[in-house]
ModelCIF file with pLDDT and N, C-alpha, C, O atoms, coordinates in Angstrom:
data_MODEL
#
_entry.id   MODEL 
#
_entity.id                         1 
_entity.type                       polymer 
_entity.pdbx_number_of_molecules   1 
#
_entity_poly.entity_id                      1 
_entity_poly.type                           'polypeptide(L)' 
_entity_poly.nstd_linkage                   no 
_entity_poly.nstd_monomer                   no 
_entity_poly.pdbx_seq_one_letter_code       KAFGTCVSHIGAILSTYTPVVISSVMHRVAR 
_entity_poly.pdbx_seq_one_letter_code_can   KAFGTCVSHIGAILSTYTPVVISSVMHRVAR 
_entity_poly.pdbx_strand_id                 A 
#
loop_
_entity_poly_seq.entity_id 
_entity_poly_seq.num 
_entity_poly_seq.mon_id 
_entity_poly_seq.hetero 
1 1  LYS n 
1 2  ALA n 
1 3  PHE n 
1 4  GLY n 
1 5  THR n 
1 6  CYS n 
1 7  VAL n 
1 8  SER n 
1 9  HIS n 
1 10 ILE n 
1 11 GLY n 
1 12 ALA n 
1 13 ILE n 
1 14 LEU n 
1 15 SER n 
1 16 THR n 
1 17 TYR n 
1 18 THR n 
1 19 PRO n 
1 20 VAL n 
1 21 VAL n 
1 22 ILE n 
1 23 SER n 
1 24 SER n 
1 25 VAL n 
1 26 MET n 
1 27 HIS n 
1 28 ARG n 
1 29 VAL n 
1 30 ALA n 
1 31 ARG n 
#
_struct_asym.id          A 
_struct_asym.entity_id   1 
#
loop_
_ma_qa_metric.id 
_ma_qa_metric.mode 
_ma_qa_metric.name 
_ma_qa_metric.software_group_id 
_ma_qa_metric.type 
1 global pLDDT . pLDDT 
2 local  pLDDT . pLDDT 
#
_ma_qa_metric_global.metric_id      1 
_ma_qa_metric_global.metric_value   80.68 
_ma_qa_metric_global.model_id       1 
_ma_qa_metric_global.ordinal_id     1 
#
loop_
_ma_qa_metric_local.label_asym_id 
_ma_qa_metric_local.label_comp_id 
_ma_qa_metric_local.label_seq_id 
_ma_qa_metric_local.metric_id 
_ma_qa_metric_local.metric_value 
_ma_qa_metric_local.model_id 
_ma_qa_metric_local.ordinal_id 
A LYS 1  2 86.00 1 1  
A ALA 2  2 85.00 1 2  
A PHE 3  2 84.00 1 3  
A GLY 4  2 85.00 1 4  
A THR 5  2 86.00 1 5  
A CYS 6  2 90.00 1 6  
A VAL 7  2 90.00 1 7  
A SER 8  2 90.00 1 8  
A HIS 9  2 91.00 1 9  
A ILE 10 2 92.00 1 10 
A GLY 11 2 91.00 1 11 
A ALA 12 2 92.00 1 12 
A ILE 13 2 92.00 1 13 
A LEU 14 2 91.00 1 14 
A SER 15 2 90.00 1 15 
A THR 16 2 89.00 1 16 
A TYR 17 2 87.00 1 17 
A THR 18 2 85.00 1 18 
A PRO 19 2 82.00 1 19 
A VAL 20 2 77.00 1 20 
A VAL 21 2 76.00 1 21 
A ILE 22 2 77.00 1 22 
A SER 23 2 73.00 1 23 
A SER 24 2 69.00 1 24 
A VAL 25 2 70.00 1 25 
A MET 26 2 70.00 1 26 
A HIS 27 2 62.00 1 27 
A ARG 28 2 61.00 1 28 
A VAL 29 2 65.00 1 29 
A ALA 30 2 60.00 1 30 
A ARG 31 2 63.00 1 31 
#
loop_
_atom_site.group_PDB 
_atom_site.id 
_atom_site.type_symbol 
_atom_site.label_atom_id 
_atom_site.label_alt_id 
_atom_site.label_comp_id 
_atom_site.label_asym_id 
_atom_site.label_entity_id 
_atom_site.label_seq_id 
_atom_site.pdbx_PDB_ins_code 
_atom_site.Cartn_x 
_atom_site.Cartn_y 
_atom_site.Cartn_z 
_atom_site.occupancy 
_atom_site.B_iso_or_equiv 
_atom_site.pdbx_formal_charge 
_atom_site.auth_seq_id 
_atom_site.auth_comp_id 
_atom_site.auth_asym_id 
_atom_site.auth_atom_id 
_atom_site.pdbx_PDB_model_num 
ATOM 1   N N  . LYS A 1 1  ? -141.209 -54.336 -86.234 1.00 86.00 ? 1  LYS A N  1 
ATOM 2   C CA . LYS A 1 1  ? -140.653 -55.183 -86.122 1.00 86.00 ? 1  LYS A CA 1 
ATOM 3   C C  . LYS A 1 1  ? -139.235 -55.158 -86.135 1.00 86.00 ? 1  LYS A C  1 
ATOM 4   O O  . LYS A 1 1  ? -138.501 -55.408 -85.179 1.00 86.00 ? 1  LYS A O  1 
ATOM 5   N N  . ALA A 1 2  ? -138.852 -54.793 -87.446 1.00 85.00 ? 2  ALA A N  1 
ATOM 6   C CA . ALA A 1 2  ? -137.480 -54.730 -87.697 1.00 85.00 ? 2  ALA A CA 1 
ATOM 7   C C  . ALA A 1 2  ? -136.406 -53.800 -87.095 1.00 85.00 ? 2  ALA A C  1 
ATOM 8   O O  . ALA A 1 2  ? -135.202 -54.041 -87.008 1.00 85.00 ? 2  ALA A O  1 
ATOM 9   N N  . PHE A 1 3  ? -137.042 -52.727 -86.709 1.00 84.00 ? 3  PHE A N  1 
ATOM 10  C CA . PHE A 1 3  ? -135.766 -52.363 -85.709 1.00 84.00 ? 3  PHE A CA 1 
ATOM 11  C C  . PHE A 1 3  ? -135.869 -52.227 -84.744 1.00 84.00 ? 3  PHE A C  1 
ATOM 12  O O  . PHE A 1 3  ? -135.343 -51.291 -84.142 1.00 84.00 ? 3  PHE A O  1 
ATOM 13  N N  . GLY A 1 4  ? -136.736 -53.288 -84.108 1.00 85.00 ? 4  GLY A N  1 
ATOM 14  C CA . GLY A 1 4  ? -136.792 -53.654 -82.733 1.00 85.00 ? 4  GLY A CA 1 
ATOM 15  C C  . GLY A 1 4  ? -135.698 -54.628 -82.441 1.00 85.00 ? 4  GLY A C  1 
ATOM 16  O O  . GLY A 1 4  ? -135.199 -54.908 -81.351 1.00 85.00 ? 4  GLY A O  1 
ATOM 17  N N  . THR A 1 5  ? -135.411 -55.112 -83.691 1.00 86.00 ? 5  THR A N  1 
ATOM 18  C CA . THR A 1 5  ? -134.180 -56.581 -83.626 1.00 86.00 ? 5  THR A CA 1 
ATOM 19  C C  . THR A 1 5  ? -133.041 -55.723 -83.241 1.00 86.00 ? 5  THR A C  1 
ATOM 20  O O  . THR A 1 5  ? -132.288 -56.516 -82.676 1.00 86.00 ? 5  THR A O  1 
ATOM 21  N N  . CYS A 1 6  ? -132.523 -54.651 -83.220 1.00 90.00 ? 6  CYS A N  1 
ATOM 22  C CA . CYS A 1 6  ? -132.191 -53.432 -83.431 1.00 90.00 ? 6  CYS A CA 1 
ATOM 23  C C  . CYS A 1 6  ? -131.644 -52.962 -81.586 1.00 90.00 ? 6  CYS A C  1 
ATOM 24  O O  . CYS A 1 6  ? -130.511 -52.673 -81.202 1.00 90.00 ? 6  CYS A O  1 
ATOM 25  N N  . VAL A 1 7  ? -132.623 -53.025 -80.971 1.00 90.00 ? 7  VAL A N  1 
ATOM 26  C CA . VAL A 1 7  ? -132.668 -52.522 -79.888 1.00 90.00 ? 7  VAL A CA 1 
ATOM 27  C C  . VAL A 1 7  ? -131.518 -52.565 -78.705 1.00 90.00 ? 7  VAL A C  1 
ATOM 28  O O  . VAL A 1 7  ? -130.933 -51.727 -78.018 1.00 90.00 ? 7  VAL A O  1 
ATOM 29  N N  . SER A 1 8  ? -131.514 -54.272 -78.869 1.00 90.00 ? 8  SER A N  1 
ATOM 30  C CA . SER A 1 8  ? -130.065 -54.345 -78.299 1.00 90.00 ? 8  SER A CA 1 
ATOM 31  C C  . SER A 1 8  ? -128.837 -54.296 -78.225 1.00 90.00 ? 8  SER A C  1 
ATOM 32  O O  . SER A 1 8  ? -127.963 -53.970 -77.421 1.00 90.00 ? 8  SER A O  1 
ATOM 33  N N  . HIS A 1 9  ? -128.931 -54.633 -79.090 1.00 91.00 ? 9  HIS A N  1 
ATOM 34  C CA . HIS A 1 9  ? -127.606 -53.751 -79.769 1.00 91.00 ? 9  HIS A CA 1 
ATOM 35  C C  . HIS A 1 9  ? -127.302 -52.648 -79.661 1.00 91.00 ? 9  HIS A C  1 
ATOM 36  O O  . HIS A 1 9  ? -126.117 -52.363 -79.484 1.00 91.00 ? 9  HIS A O  1 
ATOM 37  N N  . ILE A 1 10 ? -128.380 -51.581 -79.739 1.00 92.00 ? 10 ILE A N  1 
ATOM 38  C CA . ILE A 1 10 ? -128.202 -50.024 -79.936 1.00 92.00 ? 10 ILE A CA 1 
ATOM 39  C C  . ILE A 1 10 ? -128.211 -49.891 -78.076 1.00 92.00 ? 10 ILE A C  1 
ATOM 40  O O  . ILE A 1 10 ? -127.876 -48.838 -77.534 1.00 92.00 ? 10 ILE A O  1 
ATOM 41  N N  . GLY A 1 11 ? -128.613 -51.030 -77.337 1.00 91.00 ? 11 GLY A N  1 
ATOM 42  C CA . GLY A 1 11 ? -128.405 -50.447 -75.832 1.00 91.00 ? 11 GLY A CA 1 
ATOM 43  C C  . GLY A 1 11 ? -127.131 -50.661 -75.279 1.00 91.00 ? 11 GLY A C  1 
ATOM 44  O O  . GLY A 1 11 ? -126.589 -49.975 -74.412 1.00 91.00 ? 11 GLY A O  1 
ATOM 45  N N  . ALA A 1 12 ? -126.518 -52.055 -76.063 1.00 92.00 ? 12 ALA A N  1 
ATOM 46  C CA . ALA A 1 12 ? -125.168 -52.194 -75.404 1.00 92.00 ? 12 ALA A CA 1 
ATOM 47  C C  . ALA A 1 12 ? -124.003 -51.430 -76.465 1.00 92.00 ? 12 ALA A C  1 
ATOM 48  O O  . ALA A 1 12 ? -122.904 -51.053 -76.056 1.00 92.00 ? 12 ALA A O  1 
ATOM 49  N N  . ILE A 1 13 ? -124.416 -51.301 -77.736 1.00 92.00 ? 13 ILE A N  1 
ATOM 50  C CA . ILE A 1 13 ? -123.218 -49.921 -78.148 1.00 92.00 ? 13 ILE A CA 1 
ATOM 51  C C  . ILE A 1 13 ? -123.272 -48.141 -77.318 1.00 92.00 ? 13 ILE A C  1 
ATOM 52  O O  . ILE A 1 13 ? -122.573 -47.175 -77.625 1.00 92.00 ? 13 ILE A O  1 
ATOM 53  N N  . LEU A 1 14 ? -123.990 -48.194 -76.595 1.00 91.00 ? 14 LEU A N  1 
ATOM 54  C CA . LEU A 1 14 ? -124.478 -47.098 -76.019 1.00 91.00 ? 14 LEU A CA 1 
ATOM 55  C C  . LEU A 1 14 ? -124.177 -47.053 -74.513 1.00 91.00 ? 14 LEU A C  1 
ATOM 56  O O  . LEU A 1 14 ? -124.091 -46.133 -73.700 1.00 91.00 ? 14 LEU A O  1 
ATOM 57  N N  . SER A 1 15 ? -124.030 -48.573 -74.432 1.00 90.00 ? 15 SER A N  1 
ATOM 58  C CA . SER A 1 15 ? -123.436 -48.902 -72.509 1.00 90.00 ? 15 SER A CA 1 
ATOM 59  C C  . SER A 1 15 ? -121.744 -49.013 -72.527 1.00 90.00 ? 15 SER A C  1 
ATOM 60  O O  . SER A 1 15 ? -121.045 -49.056 -71.515 1.00 90.00 ? 15 SER A O  1 
ATOM 61  N N  . THR A 1 16 ? -121.193 -49.053 -74.118 1.00 89.00 ? 16 THR A N  1 
ATOM 62  C CA . THR A 1 16 ? -120.068 -49.048 -74.501 1.00 89.00 ? 16 THR A CA 1 
ATOM 63  C C  . THR A 1 16 ? -119.447 -47.749 -73.957 1.00 89.00 ? 16 THR A C  1 
ATOM 64  O O  . THR A 1 16 ? -118.806 -47.334 -72.992 1.00 89.00 ? 16 THR A O  1 
ATOM 65  N N  . TYR A 1 17 ? -120.095 -47.264 -75.331 1.00 87.00 ? 17 TYR A N  1 
ATOM 66  C CA . TYR A 1 17 ? -119.037 -45.889 -76.000 1.00 87.00 ? 17 TYR A CA 1 
ATOM 67  C C  . TYR A 1 17 ? -119.421 -44.786 -74.776 1.00 87.00 ? 17 TYR A C  1 
ATOM 68  O O  . TYR A 1 17 ? -118.471 -44.239 -74.216 1.00 87.00 ? 17 TYR A O  1 
ATOM 69  N N  . THR A 1 18 ? -120.536 -44.512 -74.431 1.00 85.00 ? 18 THR A N  1 
ATOM 70  C CA . THR A 1 18 ? -121.111 -43.751 -73.612 1.00 85.00 ? 18 THR A CA 1 
ATOM 71  C C  . THR A 1 18 ? -120.091 -43.157 -72.638 1.00 85.00 ? 18 THR A C  1 
ATOM 72  O O  . THR A 1 18 ? -119.731 -41.986 -72.519 1.00 85.00 ? 18 THR A O  1 
ATOM 73  N N  . PRO A 1 19 ? -119.613 -44.551 -71.790 1.00 82.00 ? 19 PRO A N  1 
ATOM 74  C CA . PRO A 1 19 ? -119.041 -43.632 -70.775 1.00 82.00 ? 19 PRO A CA 1 
ATOM 75  C C  . PRO A 1 19 ? -117.383 -43.568 -71.092 1.00 82.00 ? 19 PRO A C  1 
ATOM 76  O O  . PRO A 1 19 ? -116.606 -43.236 -70.197 1.00 82.00 ? 19 PRO A O  1 
ATOM 77  N N  . VAL A 1 20 ? -116.831 -43.977 -72.683 1.00 77.00 ? 20 VAL A N  1 
ATOM 78  C CA . VAL A 1 20 ? -115.512 -43.605 -73.192 1.00 77.00 ? 20 VAL A CA 1 
ATOM 79  C C  . VAL A 1 20 ? -115.699 -42.071 -73.306 1.00 77.00 ? 20 VAL A C  1 
ATOM 80  O O  . VAL A 1 20 ? -115.011 -41.312 -72.622 1.00 77.00 ? 20 VAL A O  1 
ATOM 81  N N  . VAL A 1 21 ? -116.716 -41.582 -74.251 1.00 76.00 ? 21 VAL A N  1 
ATOM 82  C CA . VAL A 1 21 ? -117.170 -40.443 -74.494 1.00 76.00 ? 21 VAL A CA 1 
ATOM 83  C C  . VAL A 1 21 ? -117.329 -39.604 -73.296 1.00 76.00 ? 21 VAL A C  1 
ATOM 84  O O  . VAL A 1 21 ? -116.720 -38.548 -73.465 1.00 76.00 ? 21 VAL A O  1 
ATOM 85  N N  . ILE A 1 22 ? -118.075 -39.681 -71.827 1.00 77.00 ? 22 ILE A N  1 
ATOM 86  C CA . ILE A 1 22 ? -117.843 -39.089 -70.817 1.00 77.00 ? 22 ILE A CA 1 
ATOM 87  C C  . ILE A 1 22 ? -116.274 -38.677 -69.827 1.00 77.00 ? 22 ILE A C  1 
ATOM 88  O O  . ILE A 1 22 ? -115.893 -37.676 -69.219 1.00 77.00 ? 22 ILE A O  1 
ATOM 89  N N  . SER A 1 23 ? -115.649 -40.180 -70.114 1.00 73.00 ? 23 SER A N  1 
ATOM 90  C CA . SER A 1 23 ? -114.028 -40.065 -69.735 1.00 73.00 ? 23 SER A CA 1 
ATOM 91  C C  . SER A 1 23 ? -113.428 -39.090 -70.361 1.00 73.00 ? 23 SER A C  1 
ATOM 92  O O  . SER A 1 23 ? -112.662 -38.342 -69.752 1.00 73.00 ? 23 SER A O  1 
ATOM 93  N N  . SER A 1 24 ? -113.744 -38.917 -71.978 1.00 69.00 ? 24 SER A N  1 
ATOM 94  C CA . SER A 1 24 ? -112.510 -38.542 -72.749 1.00 69.00 ? 24 SER A CA 1 
ATOM 95  C C  . SER A 1 24 ? -112.835 -36.782 -72.147 1.00 69.00 ? 24 SER A C  1 
ATOM 96  O O  . SER A 1 24 ? -111.962 -36.123 -71.584 1.00 69.00 ? 24 SER A O  1 
ATOM 97  N N  . VAL A 1 25 ? -114.379 -36.219 -72.444 1.00 70.00 ? 25 VAL A N  1 
ATOM 98  C CA . VAL A 1 25 ? -114.753 -35.376 -72.261 1.00 70.00 ? 25 VAL A CA 1 
ATOM 99  C C  . VAL A 1 25 ? -114.048 -34.353 -70.991 1.00 70.00 ? 25 VAL A C  1 
ATOM 100 O O  . VAL A 1 25 ? -113.701 -33.172 -70.970 1.00 70.00 ? 25 VAL A O  1 
ATOM 101 N N  . MET A 1 26 ? -114.042 -35.557 -69.894 1.00 70.00 ? 26 MET A N  1 
ATOM 102 C CA . MET A 1 26 ? -113.837 -35.251 -68.598 1.00 70.00 ? 26 MET A CA 1 
ATOM 103 C C  . MET A 1 26 ? -112.008 -34.632 -68.718 1.00 70.00 ? 26 MET A C  1 
ATOM 104 O O  . MET A 1 26 ? -111.667 -33.478 -68.456 1.00 70.00 ? 26 MET A O  1 
ATOM 105 N N  . HIS A 1 27 ? -111.360 -35.406 -69.032 1.00 62.00 ? 27 HIS A N  1 
ATOM 106 C CA . HIS A 1 27 ? -110.091 -35.159 -68.984 1.00 62.00 ? 27 HIS A CA 1 
ATOM 107 C C  . HIS A 1 27 ? -109.881 -34.519 -69.978 1.00 62.00 ? 27 HIS A C  1 
ATOM 108 O O  . HIS A 1 27 ? -108.850 -35.003 -70.445 1.00 62.00 ? 27 HIS A O  1 
ATOM 109 N N  . ARG A 1 28 ? -110.287 -33.548 -70.744 1.00 61.00 ? 28 ARG A N  1 
ATOM 110 C CA . ARG A 1 28 ? -110.305 -32.401 -72.104 1.00 61.00 ? 28 ARG A CA 1 
ATOM 111 C C  . ARG A 1 28 ? -110.897 -31.113 -70.570 1.00 61.00 ? 28 ARG A C  1 
ATOM 112 O O  . ARG A 1 28 ? -110.129 -30.192 -70.293 1.00 61.00 ? 28 ARG A O  1 
ATOM 113 N N  . VAL A 1 29 ? -111.842 -31.219 -70.011 1.00 65.00 ? 29 VAL A N  1 
ATOM 114 C CA . VAL A 1 29 ? -112.784 -29.946 -69.853 1.00 65.00 ? 29 VAL A CA 1 
ATOM 115 C C  . VAL A 1 29 ? -112.493 -30.167 -68.558 1.00 65.00 ? 29 VAL A C  1 
ATOM 116 O O  . VAL A 1 29 ? -112.651 -29.028 -68.120 1.00 65.00 ? 29 VAL A O  1 
ATOM 117 N N  . ALA A 1 30 ? -112.114 -30.960 -67.445 1.00 60.00 ? 30 ALA A N  1 
ATOM 118 C CA . ALA A 1 30 ? -111.600 -31.307 -66.314 1.00 60.00 ? 30 ALA A CA 1 
ATOM 119 C C  . ALA A 1 30 ? -110.840 -31.865 -66.131 1.00 60.00 ? 30 ALA A C  1 
ATOM 120 O O  . ALA A 1 30 ? -110.925 -33.051 -65.813 1.00 60.00 ? 30 ALA A O  1 
ATOM 121 N N  . ARG A 1 31 ? -109.713 -31.179 -66.269 1.00 63.00 ? 31 ARG A N  1 
ATOM 122 C CA . ARG A 1 31 ? -108.368 -31.045 -66.362 1.00 63.00 ? 31 ARG A CA 1 
ATOM 123 C C  . ARG A 1 31 ? -107.873 -31.200 -64.577 1.00 63.00 ? 31 ARG A C  1 
ATOM 124 O O  . ARG A 1 31 ? -106.687 -31.128 -64.256 1.00 63.00 ? 31 ARG A O  1 
#
């Protein structure tokens, strides 16, 4: 129950930072 209150926020973090990380990696490994 306690951790369930964080699931939405974790989803928002992943949806925001995952594309940033992918884009950053692509700029370095696929120049």
